[in-house]
Protein backbone atom coordinates (compact mmCIF):
# COMPACT_ATOMS: atom_id res chain seq x y z
CA MET A 1 2.91 51.35 30.24
CA ASN A 2 -0.72 52.24 30.41
CA LEU A 3 -3.52 50.65 28.46
CA GLU A 4 -4.22 53.81 26.50
CA SER A 5 -0.89 53.59 24.63
CA VAL A 6 -1.61 50.14 23.12
CA ARG A 7 -3.82 50.53 20.06
CA LEU A 8 -4.81 47.76 17.71
CA THR A 9 -6.78 49.83 15.23
CA GLY A 10 -3.88 51.77 13.79
CA SER A 11 -1.62 48.78 13.13
CA ASP A 12 -0.75 47.93 9.52
CA ARG A 13 1.33 44.86 10.36
CA GLY A 14 -1.25 42.12 9.68
CA VAL A 15 -2.24 40.16 12.77
CA ALA A 16 -2.32 42.28 15.89
CA GLY A 17 0.64 41.60 18.13
CA LEU A 18 2.44 39.35 15.61
CA PRO A 19 5.73 40.83 14.37
CA ILE A 20 6.03 41.04 10.61
CA ARG A 21 9.46 39.37 10.70
CA LEU A 22 7.92 36.29 12.30
CA VAL A 23 5.28 36.11 9.57
CA VAL A 24 7.91 36.43 6.83
CA ALA A 25 10.13 33.79 8.46
CA PHE A 26 7.18 31.40 8.70
CA VAL A 27 6.20 31.85 5.04
CA VAL A 28 9.78 31.46 3.80
CA GLY A 29 10.36 28.44 6.05
CA THR A 30 7.21 26.75 4.76
CA ALA A 31 8.26 27.33 1.15
CA VAL A 32 11.77 25.96 1.79
CA LEU A 33 10.35 22.90 3.55
CA GLY A 34 8.08 22.22 0.57
CA VAL A 35 11.01 22.42 -1.85
CA MET A 36 13.15 20.13 0.33
CA LEU A 37 10.42 17.51 0.64
CA ASN A 38 9.87 17.60 -3.12
CA MET A 39 13.59 17.00 -3.69
CA ILE A 40 13.68 14.10 -1.23
CA SER A 41 10.65 12.38 -2.79
CA GLY A 42 12.45 12.37 -6.14
CA VAL A 43 15.48 10.49 -4.84
CA GLY A 44 15.22 6.89 -6.06
CA ALA A 45 17.07 5.33 -3.13
CA LEU A 46 14.53 6.65 -0.64
CA THR A 47 11.36 5.67 -2.49
CA THR A 48 9.64 2.30 -2.56
CA THR A 49 8.23 0.42 -5.52
CA GLU A 50 4.71 -1.00 -5.33
CA LEU A 51 4.37 -4.76 -5.72
CA ASP A 52 1.33 -6.51 -7.14
CA ALA A 53 0.19 -10.13 -7.09
CA ARG A 54 -1.03 -11.59 -10.38
CA PRO A 55 -2.74 -14.96 -9.87
CA THR A 56 -3.21 -17.50 -12.65
CA PRO A 57 -5.96 -18.56 -12.86
CA ASP A 58 -7.91 -15.84 -11.09
CA VAL A 59 -11.16 -17.84 -11.24
CA VAL A 60 -11.18 -21.33 -9.65
CA HIS A 61 -13.71 -23.99 -8.65
CA THR A 62 -14.28 -25.63 -5.27
CA GLU A 63 -11.86 -28.51 -5.80
CA ASN A 64 -8.14 -29.10 -5.42
CA THR A 65 -6.47 -26.48 -7.54
CA THR A 66 -3.05 -25.02 -8.22
CA ILE A 67 -2.69 -21.26 -8.42
CA THR A 68 0.52 -19.64 -9.62
CA VAL A 69 1.10 -16.12 -8.36
CA ALA A 70 3.58 -13.75 -9.97
CA ALA A 71 4.85 -10.94 -7.76
CA VAL A 72 5.56 -8.03 -10.09
CA ASP A 73 6.64 -4.42 -9.73
CA THR A 74 5.01 -1.46 -11.48
CA GLY A 75 7.03 -2.17 -14.62
CA GLY A 76 5.74 -5.76 -14.79
CA HIS A 77 9.08 -7.30 -13.77
CA ALA A 78 8.86 -10.42 -11.60
CA ILE A 79 10.41 -10.12 -8.13
CA PRO A 80 11.99 -13.16 -6.41
CA ASP A 81 11.92 -13.97 -2.69
CA VAL A 82 8.47 -12.46 -2.01
CA THR A 83 6.17 -14.13 0.51
CA VAL A 84 2.68 -14.68 -0.91
CA VAL A 85 -0.28 -15.38 1.39
CA LEU A 86 -3.62 -16.76 0.17
CA SER A 87 -6.31 -16.29 2.80
CA ALA A 88 -10.06 -16.68 3.14
CA ASP A 89 -12.38 -13.79 2.43
CA THR A 90 -15.96 -14.59 1.41
CA ALA A 91 -14.77 -18.02 0.30
CA GLY A 92 -12.88 -20.32 2.63
CA LEU A 93 -9.92 -22.67 2.48
CA ALA A 94 -9.97 -26.33 3.48
CA GLY A 95 -8.17 -26.52 6.80
CA GLY A 96 -9.17 -22.95 7.65
CA GLU A 97 -5.60 -21.61 7.67
CA PRO A 98 -3.99 -19.20 5.19
CA ILE A 99 -1.58 -20.75 2.71
CA VAL A 100 1.91 -19.25 2.52
CA ALA A 101 4.35 -19.62 -0.38
CA ARG A 102 7.50 -17.86 -1.54
CA THR A 103 8.33 -16.74 -5.06
CA ASN A 104 11.21 -18.53 -6.78
CA ALA A 105 14.06 -17.01 -8.79
CA THR A 106 11.63 -16.18 -11.62
CA GLY A 107 9.24 -14.38 -9.25
CA VAL A 108 6.50 -17.02 -9.29
CA ALA A 109 4.97 -18.83 -6.30
CA THR A 110 2.91 -22.01 -6.59
CA ILE A 111 -0.01 -22.49 -4.20
CA ARG A 112 -2.02 -25.69 -3.89
CA ALA A 113 -5.39 -25.06 -2.27
CA THR A 114 -8.88 -26.44 -1.87
CA PRO A 115 -11.29 -23.50 -1.81
CA THR A 116 -14.65 -23.88 -0.07
CA LEU A 117 -17.90 -21.95 -0.28
CA PRO A 118 -20.74 -21.66 2.23
CA PRO A 119 -23.73 -23.85 1.27
CA THR A 120 -25.83 -20.88 0.18
CA ALA A 121 -23.13 -19.04 -1.79
CA GLY A 122 -22.55 -19.45 -5.48
CA GLN A 123 -19.27 -17.57 -5.43
CA GLY A 124 -16.74 -16.00 -3.10
CA THR A 125 -13.25 -14.57 -3.04
CA LEU A 126 -9.86 -15.47 -1.64
CA THR A 127 -7.46 -12.65 -0.80
CA LEU A 128 -3.85 -12.48 -1.93
CA THR A 129 -1.28 -10.45 -0.02
CA VAL A 130 2.39 -10.11 -0.74
CA ASN A 131 5.08 -9.44 1.83
CA PRO A 132 7.99 -8.01 -0.13
CA PRO A 133 11.62 -8.46 0.82
CA SER A 134 12.88 -5.61 2.94
CA GLY A 135 14.27 -2.71 1.03
CA LYS A 136 12.74 -0.83 -1.82
CA TYR A 137 9.42 -2.68 -2.23
CA ALA A 138 6.04 -2.17 -0.57
CA ASP A 139 2.51 -3.54 -0.94
CA ARG A 140 0.10 -0.72 -0.13
CA ARG A 141 -2.63 -1.27 -2.74
CA ALA A 142 -5.10 -4.13 -2.89
CA ASN A 143 -4.06 -7.10 -5.00
CA THR A 144 -6.16 -9.13 -7.41
CA ASP A 145 -8.51 -11.46 -5.54
CA VAL A 146 -9.11 -15.04 -6.60
CA LEU A 147 -12.76 -15.67 -7.48
CA VAL A 148 -14.15 -19.03 -6.34
CA VAL A 149 -17.23 -20.42 -8.14
CA ARG A 150 -19.17 -23.66 -7.81
């Protein structure tokens, strides 16, 4: 084979040197993969439901306080056996350690805390995270923070 016989200018097959069958197989394979992934994402058993933490009250003062936290799914239904963690953000907690509680059968956890603020701050926040039971729940989005005021 000499170099004169290989011409790239007269080819009408798309990318030079790439067989048209390979291009067609790639396009069809990509389309089929997209359809399969769309079907899988619609299967309820394989998807997870987002959990949210709803504290009551969501505004507290720097004194001993009780906060009830409802762990709810996207439909607003309370979920039992969820671990709820209240931790310091721009406000602190007396003792310096996060406070851990678990939701009861009605999906509510009770947390007793003493929030603290730095001397120069008029307000701050405490962060709530939920660790759902294994299975079909997840906590990917940020939850409602607890606002601490003087």
